[in-house]
């Protein structure tokens, strides 16, 4: 098969979307997608103006609060507003095509294969620096708990790996492969990936996605059931669902034990402490936040980000600039992308998943959020 220039171009774009998500690979490599996207698709939109407003206001905020840079001992790279890189995410989103998304899914599945090997081998990562970063925690498979058997694939940690897998599920659903065998194979690998990463916040977001993506089917089944016109297939499907639910109820103690990492009370992975610290900072720095310098707080000799996108944005920027972020999201949600955007926002309540400036999930999130500006991805299969 002859590989034309467009196929090669799309491969390299997807490669530079995926590559910086690997541990120890600098995020700045995401910028290498720019030379490969040669497009005339560039027009001034309300969304672009909002992003430019965020960049300008963030720059002014940083200059006005330069003492934060000095006091926190930040590096020179922190002088560049991280919001500036959202313009790259915007440019990518309005030009991405389905072939690029398919390649991204391929790379995610490749990483899942690596993760499966790690799981079978009984290590959290084949990458020494990642493996060393979790030294001191309980050994792999401790007390039979899935939490202590989760792997990182090629990522910096299992949560980052799980979020990539979650993004892969959204992409596969959107692409809606005509070949059912490919679709089943992709979902099977992604399901295995979710199991071996065991990230609870991703499970919550996935539950919301499944509900939203199938809400019309659920309505049809209920309507036909009430009218007494339920087909045999739906009766069998409902029966299987009921059996599955009853099985979960019968194993509820085991499920709770797994979700709480074997602890007697609810385990929030210190998020209750982190949330409180960031909330206190926001109330004390309501208008300008941390001067648009990304906020990290030291807790028990360890630096934490907010583990919550909304708290992170507010604490970093203050309410004025943060309102631009929130408006940017709200005006771009529509009936096409709601089923993909809402679950990512749910995930964002428990993870600092998006608005890093540029990251793997930022690029995917922007692609769904700005989908109305990308006619190519909407009208091709």
Foldseek 3Di string as FASTA:
>chain_A
DDDDPVLVLLLVLLCLLPVCQFPPRPVCSNVVNVVSDDDPLDDDDPLVVLLVVLQVLLLVLCVVQVVLCVVVVDDPVLNRQLSQLLVVLLVLQQRDALSSLVSNLVVLLVLLVQQVVCLVVQAQHPDVVLRVVPPPDDGACVVVALQSSAHCRRGSGLVSSLVSLLLSVVSLVLSVDPPVVVSVVSVVSSVSSCSRSVDVLSVVLVVLLVCVVCVVVVVVQVVCVVVVNHDPVSVVVVVVVVVVVVVCVVCVVVVQCNCCVNDPDRHLVCLVVLQVVLVVLCVVVAAAASSSRFDWDQDPNDTDHNQAQLSRLCNNGHDPSSVSVVVSQVVQDDPQLVSPQVSVNSSRRRGNQEDSSRHSSPSSNSNSSNVVSHVNRVPDD
